[in-house]
Structures are given as structure tokens and as C-alpha cells.
C-alpha atoms as a PDB file:
ATOM      1  CA  MET A   1       0.000   0.000   0.000  1.00  0.00           C
ATOM      2  CA  GLN A   2       1.287   3.462  -0.925  1.00  0.00           C
ATOM      3  CA  TYR A   3       1.850   5.803   2.040  1.00  0.00           C
ATOM      4  CA  ILE A   4       3.713   8.636   0.245  1.00  0.00           C
ATOM      5  CA  GLU A   5       3.518   9.657  -3.417  1.00  0.00           C
ATOM      6  CA  VAL A   6       5.589  12.588  -4.637  1.00  0.00           C
ATOM      7  CA  ASN A   7       4.712  13.433  -8.241  1.00  0.00           C
ATOM      8  CA  ASN A   8       6.827  15.889 -10.262  1.00  0.00           C
ATOM      9  CA  LEU A   9       7.273  18.165  -7.247  1.00  0.00           C
ATOM     10  CA  SER A  10       8.936  21.552  -7.577  1.00  0.00           C
ATOM     11  CA  PHE A  11       9.384  24.048  -4.762  1.00  0.00           C
ATOM     12  CA  HIS A  12      10.542  27.683  -4.822  1.00  0.00           C
ATOM     13  CA  PHE A  13      11.407  30.013  -1.965  1.00  0.00           C
ATOM     14  CA  GLU A  14       9.780  33.188  -3.326  1.00  0.00           C
ATOM     15  CA  ASP A  15      11.268  33.255  -6.861  1.00  0.00           C
ATOM     16  CA  GLU A  16      14.267  31.054  -6.048  1.00  0.00           C
ATOM     17  CA  PRO A  17      13.937  27.469  -7.379  1.00  0.00           C
ATOM     18  CA  VAL A  18      15.043  24.946  -4.754  1.00  0.00           C
ATOM     19  CA  LEU A  19      13.627  21.571  -5.820  1.00  0.00           C
ATOM     20  CA  GLU A  20      12.617  20.473  -9.316  1.00  0.00           C
ATOM     21  CA  ASN A  21      11.024  17.364 -10.817  1.00  0.00           C
ATOM     22  CA  ILE A  22      11.019  15.164  -7.705  1.00  0.00           C
ATOM     23  CA  SER A  23       9.048  11.929  -8.035  1.00  0.00           C
ATOM     24  CA  PHE A  24       9.088   8.840  -5.810  1.00  0.00           C
ATOM     25  CA  GLN A  25       6.866   6.624  -3.640  1.00  0.00           C
ATOM     26  CA  VAL A  26       7.187   5.110  -0.186  1.00  0.00           C
ATOM     27  CA  ASN A  27       4.975   2.096   0.445  1.00  0.00           C
ATOM     28  CA  ALA A  28       4.103   0.080   3.517  1.00  0.00           C
ATOM     29  CA  GLY A  29       7.162  -2.101   4.150  1.00  0.00           C
ATOM     30  CA  ASP A  30       9.628   0.240   2.386  1.00  0.00           C
ATOM     31  CA  PHE A  31      12.808   1.413   4.121  1.00  0.00           C
ATOM     32  CA  ALA A  32      13.820   4.424   1.996  1.00  0.00           C
ATOM     33  CA  MET A  33      16.847   6.594   2.653  1.00  0.00           C
ATOM     34  CA  LEU A  34      16.993  10.160   1.367  1.00  0.00           C
ATOM     35  CA  THR A  35      20.486  11.507   0.758  1.00  0.00           C
ATOM     36  CA  GLY A  36      22.192  14.540  -0.735  1.00  0.00           C
ATOM     37  CA  GLU A  37      25.034  16.925  -0.024  1.00  0.00           C
ATOM     38  CA  ASN A  38      24.775  19.655   2.607  1.00  0.00           C
ATOM     39  CA  GLY A  39      22.275  22.225   1.374  1.00  0.00           C
ATOM     40  CA  ALA A  40      20.427  19.697  -0.773  1.00  0.00           C
ATOM     41  CA  ALA A  41      17.019  20.792   0.573  1.00  0.00           C
ATOM     42  CA  LYS A  42      16.307  17.387   2.104  1.00  0.00           C
ATOM     43  CA  THR A  43      14.492  18.914   5.078  1.00  0.00           C
ATOM     44  CA  THR A  44      12.561  21.187   2.723  1.00  0.00           C
ATOM     45  CA  LEU A  45      11.384  18.097   0.841  1.00  0.00           C
ATOM     46  CA  LEU A  46      10.241  16.457   4.095  1.00  0.00           C
ATOM     47  CA  ARG A  47       8.339  19.593   5.059  1.00  0.00           C
ATOM     48  CA  ASN A  48       6.536  19.496   1.703  1.00  0.00           C
ATOM     49  CA  ILE A  49       5.601  15.867   2.313  1.00  0.00           C
ATOM     50  CA  LEU A  50       4.248  16.663   5.775  1.00  0.00           C
ATOM     51  CA  GLY A  51       2.180  19.596   4.502  1.00  0.00           C
ATOM     52  CA  LEU A  52       4.259  22.180   6.378  1.00  0.00           C
ATOM     53  CA  LEU A  53       5.210  23.718   3.021  1.00  0.00           C
ATOM     54  CA  LYS A  54       3.223  23.777  -0.226  1.00  0.00           C
ATOM     55  CA  PRO A  55       4.792  22.626  -3.515  1.00  0.00           C
ATOM     56  CA  THR A  56       5.087  25.286  -6.210  1.00  0.00           C
ATOM     57  CA  LYS A  57       4.289  22.648  -8.826  1.00  0.00           C
ATOM     58  CA  GLY A  58       3.386  18.980  -8.735  1.00  0.00           C
ATOM     59  CA  SER A  59       1.820  17.187  -5.816  1.00  0.00           C
ATOM     60  CA  VAL A  60       2.399  15.212  -2.643  1.00  0.00           C
ATOM     61  CA  THR A  61      -0.134  12.635  -1.484  1.00  0.00           C
ATOM     62  CA  LEU A  62       0.115  11.343   2.069  1.00  0.00           C
ATOM     63  CA  SER A  63      -2.281   8.472   2.692  1.00  0.00           C
ATOM     64  CA  ASP A  64      -4.920   9.021   5.352  1.00  0.00           C
ATOM     65  CA  LYS A  65      -5.288   5.259   5.972  1.00  0.00           C
ATOM     66  CA  ASN A  66      -2.859   2.505   6.926  1.00  0.00           C
ATOM     67  CA  ARG A  67      -2.853  -0.959   5.384  1.00  0.00           C
ATOM     68  CA  TYR A  68      -5.584  -2.060   7.788  1.00  0.00           C
ATOM     69  CA  GLY A  69      -7.916   0.748   6.730  1.00  0.00           C
ATOM     70  CA  GLU A  70      -7.403   2.653   9.985  1.00  0.00           C
ATOM     71  CA  LYS A  71      -6.202   6.246  10.373  1.00  0.00           C
ATOM     72  CA  LEU A  72      -2.543   6.517   9.360  1.00  0.00           C
ATOM     73  CA  VAL A  73      -0.235   7.337  12.294  1.00  0.00           C
ATOM     74  CA  VAL A  74       2.895   9.286  11.299  1.00  0.00           C
ATOM     75  CA  GLY A  75       5.952   9.445  13.542  1.00  0.00           C
ATOM     76  CA  TYR A  76       8.016  12.521  12.591  1.00  0.00           C
ATOM     77  CA  ILE A  77      11.430  13.247  14.076  1.00  0.00           C
ATOM     78  CA  PRO A  78      12.872  16.604  12.943  1.00  0.00           C
ATOM     79  CA  GLN A  79      16.537  17.505  13.229  1.00  0.00           C
ATOM     80  CA  GLN A  80      17.622  18.181  16.814  1.00  0.00           C
ATOM     81  CA  VAL A  81      14.102  17.750  18.150  1.00  0.00           C
ATOM     82  CA  ALA A  82      15.067  17.830  21.836  1.00  0.00           C
ATOM     83  CA  SER A  83      14.893  21.178  23.649  1.00  0.00           C
ATOM     84  CA  PHE A  84      14.171  20.227  27.269  1.00  0.00           C
ATOM     85  CA  ASN A  85      15.645  22.562  29.878  1.00  0.00           C
ATOM     86  CA  GLU A  86      17.296  21.577  33.175  1.00  0.00           C
ATOM     87  CA  GLY A  87      14.067  22.072  35.105  1.00  0.00           C
ATOM     88  CA  PHE A  88      12.059  19.601  33.026  1.00  0.00           C
ATOM     89  CA  PRO A  89      10.441  17.403  35.724  1.00  0.00           C
ATOM     90  CA  SER A  90       9.881  14.097  33.892  1.00  0.00           C
ATOM     91  CA  THR A  91      12.132  11.066  33.958  1.00  0.00           C
ATOM     92  CA  VAL A  92      13.247   9.361  30.769  1.00  0.00           C
ATOM     93  CA  LEU A  93      10.888   6.447  31.410  1.00  0.00           C
ATOM     94  CA  GLU A  94       7.899   8.696  32.118  1.00  0.00           C
ATOM     95  CA  LEU A  95       8.390  10.665  28.907  1.00  0.00           C
ATOM     96  CA  VAL A  96       8.697   7.592  26.693  1.00  0.00           C
ATOM     97  CA  LYS A  97       5.719   5.917  28.418  1.00  0.00           C
ATOM     98  CA  SER A  98       3.652   8.978  27.519  1.00  0.00           C
ATOM     99  CA  GLY A  99       4.069   7.947  23.878  1.00  0.00           C
ATOM    100  CA  ARG A 100       1.613   5.114  24.531  1.00  0.00           C
ATOM    101  CA  TYR A 101      -1.158   7.367  25.892  1.00  0.00           C
ATOM    102  CA  PRO A 102      -2.432   8.910  22.617  1.00  0.00           C
ATOM    103  CA  ARG A 103      -3.979   5.553  21.768  1.00  0.00           C
ATOM    104  CA  GLY A 104      -6.833   6.264  24.190  1.00  0.00           C
ATOM    105  CA  LYS A 105      -5.019   5.446  27.421  1.00  0.00           C
ATOM    106  CA  TRP A 106      -4.666   8.752  29.254  1.00  0.00           C
ATOM    107  CA  PHE A 107      -4.367   8.155  32.994  1.00  0.00           C
ATOM    108  CA  LYS A 108      -4.854   4.415  32.546  1.00  0.00           C
ATOM    109  CA  LYS A 109      -2.380   1.800  33.663  1.00  0.00           C
ATOM    110  CA  LEU A 110      -0.203   0.710  30.769  1.00  0.00           C
ATOM    111  CA  SER A 111      -0.470  -2.905  29.708  1.00  0.00           C
ATOM    112  CA  GLU A 112       2.369  -5.397  29.523  1.00  0.00           C
ATOM    113  CA  GLU A 113       2.392  -4.915  25.736  1.00  0.00           C
ATOM    114  CA  ASP A 114       2.720  -1.145  26.217  1.00  0.00           C
ATOM    115  CA  MET A 115       5.697  -1.629  28.515  1.00  0.00           C
ATOM    116  CA  VAL A 116       7.347  -3.985  26.019  1.00  0.00           C
ATOM    117  CA  HIS A 117       7.089  -1.201  23.385  1.00  0.00           C
ATOM    118  CA  VAL A 118       8.562   1.310  25.831  1.00  0.00           C
ATOM    119  CA  LYS A 119      11.479  -0.922  26.819  1.00  0.00           C
ATOM    120  CA  LYS A 120      12.286  -1.872  23.219  1.00  0.00           C
ATOM    121  CA  SER A 121      12.181   1.790  22.230  1.00  0.00           C
ATOM    122  CA  LEU A 122      14.668   2.790  24.938  1.00  0.00           C
ATOM    123  CA  LEU A 123      16.930  -0.184  24.253  1.00  0.00           C
ATOM    124  CA  SER A 124      16.973   0.717  20.557  1.00  0.00           C
ATOM    125  CA  VAL A 125      18.603   4.081  21.307  1.00  0.00           C
ATOM    126  CA  GLY A 126      20.817   2.843  24.162  1.00  0.00           C
ATOM    127  CA  MET A 127      18.913   4.681  26.897  1.00  0.00           C
ATOM    128  CA  TRP A 128      17.300   1.888  28.946  1.00  0.00           C
ATOM    129  CA  GLU A 129      19.980   2.066  31.656  1.00  0.00           C
ATOM    130  CA  MET A 130      19.235   5.788  32.103  1.00  0.00           C
ATOM    131  CA  ARG A 131      15.453   5.396  32.295  1.00  0.00           C
ATOM    132  CA  HIS A 132      15.203   6.819  35.829  1.00  0.00           C
ATOM    133  CA  LYS A 133      17.284   9.927  35.062  1.00  0.00           C
ATOM    134  CA  LYS A 134      15.609  13.334  34.904  1.00  0.00           C
ATOM    135  CA  ILE A 135      15.452  14.575  31.330  1.00  0.00           C
ATOM    136  CA  GLY A 136      16.874  17.954  32.268  1.00  0.00           C
ATOM    137  CA  GLU A 137      20.071  16.232  33.444  1.00  0.00           C
ATOM    138  CA  LEU A 138      20.814  14.670  30.050  1.00  0.00           C
ATOM    139  CA  SER A 139      23.155  15.866  27.322  1.00  0.00           C
ATOM    140  CA  GLY A 140      21.787  17.168  24.028  1.00  0.00           C
ATOM    141  CA  GLY A 141      22.557  13.889  22.262  1.00  0.00           C
ATOM    142  CA  GLN A 142      20.826  11.873  24.993  1.00  0.00           C
ATOM    143  CA  LYS A 143      17.741  14.095  24.788  1.00  0.00           C
ATOM    144  CA  GLN A 144      17.646  13.469  21.041  1.00  0.00           C
ATOM    145  CA  ARG A 145      17.728   9.735  21.648  1.00  0.00           C
ATOM    146  CA  ILE A 146      14.849   9.697  24.120  1.00  0.00           C
ATOM    147  CA  SER A 147      12.796  11.862  21.766  1.00  0.00           C
ATOM    148  CA  ILE A 148      13.328   9.168  19.130  1.00  0.00           C
ATOM    149  CA  ALA A 149      12.361   6.478  21.658  1.00  0.00           C
ATOM    150  CA  ARG A 150       9.104   8.267  22.432  1.00  0.00           C
ATOM    151  CA  VAL A 151       8.164   8.334  18.735  1.00  0.00           C
ATOM    152  CA  PHE A 152       8.947   4.607  18.491  1.00  0.00           C
ATOM    153  CA  ALA A 153       6.725   3.960  21.505  1.00  0.00           C
ATOM    154  CA  THR A 154       3.735   5.439  19.634  1.00  0.00           C
ATOM    155  CA  ASP A 155       4.105   2.573  17.123  1.00  0.00           C
ATOM    156  CA  PRO A 156       3.450   4.688  13.996  1.00  0.00           C
ATOM    157  CA  ASP A 157       2.605   3.263  10.570  1.00  0.00           C
ATOM    158  CA  LEU A 158       4.947   5.675   8.787  1.00  0.00           C
ATOM    159  CA  PHE A 159       8.256   7.022  10.096  1.00  0.00           C
ATOM    160  CA  ILE A 160       9.592  10.298   8.652  1.00  0.00           C
ATOM    161  CA  LEU A 161      13.042  10.836  10.150  1.00  0.00           C
ATOM    162  CA  ASP A 162      15.397  13.780   9.572  1.00  0.00           C
ATOM    163  CA  GLU A 163      18.945  12.711  10.484  1.00  0.00           C
ATOM    164  CA  PRO A 164      17.769  10.987  13.669  1.00  0.00           C
ATOM    165  CA  THR A 165      21.103   9.388  14.596  1.00  0.00           C
ATOM    166  CA  THR A 166      22.890  12.666  15.396  1.00  0.00           C
ATOM    167  CA  GLY A 167      24.780  12.150  18.656  1.00  0.00           C
ATOM    168  CA  MET A 168      24.690   8.329  18.544  1.00  0.00           C
ATOM    169  CA  ASP A 169      27.817   6.176  18.550  1.00  0.00           C
ATOM    170  CA  VAL A 170      28.423   3.493  15.916  1.00  0.00           C
ATOM    171  CA  GLN A 171      26.924   0.649  17.949  1.00  0.00           C
ATOM    172  CA  SER A 172      23.781   2.659  18.807  1.00  0.00           C
ATOM    173  CA  ARG A 173      23.322   3.611  15.151  1.00  0.00           C
ATOM    174  CA  GLU A 174      23.571  -0.001  14.033  1.00  0.00           C
ATOM    175  CA  GLU A 175      21.004  -1.129  16.620  1.00  0.00           C
ATOM    176  CA  PHE A 176      18.732   1.710  15.502  1.00  0.00           C
ATOM    177  CA  TYR A 177      18.998   0.690  11.837  1.00  0.00           C
ATOM    178  CA  LYS A 178      18.293  -2.941  12.747  1.00  0.00           C
ATOM    179  CA  LEU A 179      15.145  -1.846  14.579  1.00  0.00           C
ATOM    180  CA  LEU A 180      14.003   0.189  11.562  1.00  0.00           C
ATOM    181  CA  LYS A 181      14.653  -2.794   9.278  1.00  0.00           C
ATOM    182  CA  HIS A 182      12.665  -5.059  11.586  1.00  0.00           C
ATOM    183  CA  ASN A 183       9.773  -2.589  11.580  1.00  0.00           C
ATOM    184  CA  SER A 184       9.711  -2.318   7.784  1.00  0.00           C
ATOM    185  CA  GLU A 185      10.287  -5.992   6.998  1.00  0.00           C
ATOM    186  CA  VAL A 186       8.228  -7.701   9.722  1.00  0.00           C
ATOM    187  CA  HIS A 187       5.626  -5.089  10.680  1.00  0.00           C
ATOM    188  CA  LYS A 188       5.362  -3.444   7.219  1.00  0.00           C
ATOM    189  CA  LYS A 189       5.991   0.076   8.492  1.00  0.00           C
ATOM    190  CA  GLY A 190       6.884   2.722   5.909  1.00  0.00           C
ATOM    191  CA  ILE A 191      10.170   4.540   6.573  1.00  0.00           C
ATOM    192  CA  LEU A 192      11.611   7.655   4.920  1.00  0.00           C
ATOM    193  CA  MET A 193      14.877   8.676   6.548  1.00  0.00           C
ATOM    194  CA  VAL A 194      17.255  11.533   5.756  1.00  0.00           C
ATOM    195  CA  THR A 195      20.817  10.443   6.457  1.00  0.00           C
ATOM    196  CA  HIS A 196      24.453  11.321   5.778  1.00  0.00           C
ATOM    197  CA  ASP A 197      25.543   7.832   6.807  1.00  0.00           C
ATOM    198  CA  HIS A 198      24.333   6.192   3.608  1.00  0.00           C
ATOM    199  CA  GLU A 199      27.169   3.651   3.432  1.00  0.00           C
ATOM    200  CA  GLU A 200      26.353   2.476   6.974  1.00  0.00           C
ATOM    201  CA  ILE A 201      22.649   2.189   6.258  1.00  0.00           C
ATOM    202  CA  ARG A 202      22.876   0.745   2.738  1.00  0.00           C
ATOM    203  CA  GLN A 203      22.676  -2.865   3.945  1.00  0.00           C
ATOM    204  CA  PHE A 204      19.384  -2.103   5.706  1.00  0.00           C
ATOM    205  CA  ALA A 205      17.564   0.240   3.291  1.00  0.00           C
ATOM    206  CA  ASP A 206      15.803  -1.053   0.183  1.00  0.00           C
ATOM    207  CA  LYS A 207      15.198   2.297  -1.546  1.00  0.00           C
ATOM    208  CA  HIS A 208      17.565   5.193  -2.148  1.00  0.00           C
ATOM    209  CA  ILE A 209      16.303   8.647  -3.079  1.00  0.00           C
ATOM    210  CA  GLU A 210      19.228  10.931  -3.902  1.00  0.00           C
ATOM    211  CA  LEU A 211      18.979  14.681  -4.441  1.00  0.00           C
ATOM    212  CA  VAL A 212      21.652  15.918  -6.853  1.00  0.00           C
ATOM    213  CA  ARG A 213      22.092  18.967  -9.056  1.00  0.00           C
ATOM    214  CA  LYS A 214      24.101  20.490 -11.841  1.00  0.00           C
ATOM    215  CA  GLU A 215      26.033  23.668 -11.152  1.00  0.00           C
ATOM    216  CA  GLY A 216      23.687  26.596 -10.644  1.00  0.00           C
ATOM    217  CA  SER A 217      20.481  24.569 -10.924  1.00  0.00           C
ATOM    218  CA  PRO A 218      17.926  23.434  -8.307  1.00  0.00           C
ATOM    219  CA  TRP A 219      18.212  20.117  -6.479  1.00  0.00           C
ATOM    220  CA  ARG A 220      16.436  17.314  -8.242  1.00  0.00           C
ATOM    221  CA  CYS A 221      16.514  13.588  -8.786  1.00  0.00           C
ATOM    222  CA  PHE A 222      18.255  13.428 -12.160  1.00  0.00           C
ATOM    223  CA  SER A 223      18.704   9.663 -12.299  1.00  0.00           C
ATOM    224  CA  MET A 224      15.478   7.764 -11.718  1.00  0.00           C
ATOM    225  CA  ASP A 225      17.574   4.646 -11.065  1.00  0.00           C
ATOM    226  CA  SER A 226      18.632   6.214  -7.768  1.00  0.00           C
ATOM    227  CA  CYS A 227      14.984   6.730  -6.850  1.00  0.00           C
ATOM    228  CA  LYS A 228      13.990   3.110  -7.203  1.00  0.00           C
ATOM    229  CA  GLU A 229      14.663  -0.021  -5.192  1.00  0.00           C
ATOM    230  CA  LEU A 230      18.225  -1.009  -4.484  1.00  0.00           C
ATOM    231  CA  SER A 231      18.478  -4.521  -5.857  1.00  0.00           C
ATOM    232  CA  LYS A 232      21.912  -4.876  -4.273  1.00  0.00           C
ATOM    233  CA  PRO A 233      24.593  -2.581  -2.787  1.00  0.00           C
ATOM    234  CA  HIS A 234      26.496  -0.556  -5.349  1.00  0.00           C
ATOM    235  CA  SER A 235      30.199  -1.340  -5.651  1.00  0.00           C
END
């Protein structure tokens, strides 16, 4: 089932062309990585997909239903999402547990299944051992990780992730990629992830969307081969 369809999208800031002729799809079960050099307007493309910006030309369709016919749940992690100050009263565990409440469980005791989601989410970002720490006591990188864990705890149908592994070490990144792969392959989640670590993630992702440009022209996907499934890693 198609969760995202980008069709011939172009986007201008005022009169300045930024993106041109972008077309790709992300389906349930896809693990797609979005790459490009610094300044490649990757975040701008995500914001168009999420409806935070409006394409100048072309269209973006974000499904309103998941593969079960229920309302699509989107988990979005922007760059450097964490901004908790030192006085933030919650513990790591409390914040991530709150990710289970939007499913109609405010002020109700969480089930064993809920707690399994919470623990797996914290383990995936290497923060389970710090679950009783106050959030305000954490470093910026640690706050980023628990923000990711909270999104995972909501169990979304579609993940839209903007460089989520900032501040993670190599081992934490690999565990995170494995969890994403498990979610796409076993649970048929859709994943669109902006990354600079495309060589690290290549063994896990099955689609590669690359924004490139010629000198003096807007970012676009020139080669449609790079916007389709990766049949095998490139040499």
C-alpha cells in the first residue's frame, strides 16, 4: 500500500527554485533513505511531504489510511528535536511511556504490551539504563535519543526521520537501523529517513532517493535509477 507519493514536485522560496522534478513513492514495508550533499534541501522536501510547506508545482499525497484501513499514524522526528531545559520534571521512562497514551489510554495503567514497546524503544537508542534519570540532566545527544524512543513507543505506521542518529555512537546507530529494518520488513511500516551515513545504512535500506544537481540549478533527482529499489549494494 502506498503511504507517500511525490509526483513531479517543484518548490521555490519566493522566486528562487530549490527543488525540481522530484518523483518517488514510499509504500508500507519500504525502508527508503533520502540523501544529498549539505544544502540539498532534504528537510525542505520532508516539510513538503508533511504539509508544512506547499509545492510550487506537482503534488504530494500522504495516505490518510494505513494498510488495515485505519487512520494513518505518522511518527516525525525533525533535526535536533530535543529542547528540554534543566528544570524539566519528567524522567526518561515517564516521557517515553507517555508515547503510549495517545492511543486512548490517558491516565490508565499501561499494559504489559505497552511496557514492552517502551522498553524496546529505549533499548533501541541505548537509553534503557538511564530510564530513571531526569530529562533535564541529560546531554543534548541523549535528549535526542529519548525523543526518538518516544516516537517509536507510539508505534506509527509511517516514520519520517530527519537525520535521527545525530549524537549516537556506531553501535547505537547499528542497533537503531536494525530496529528500523525489523519494523519495515516484519511489521510493514513505511520509513523515509534523511541520512548522511548512507554507506552504513545501505545494507538495511531497500530504496535510495538521492537529491543531486548540476552547477547553478535546483536540487532534483536526475537519475530515476537512484529513486527506485536497491536490488543490491552498489560497488
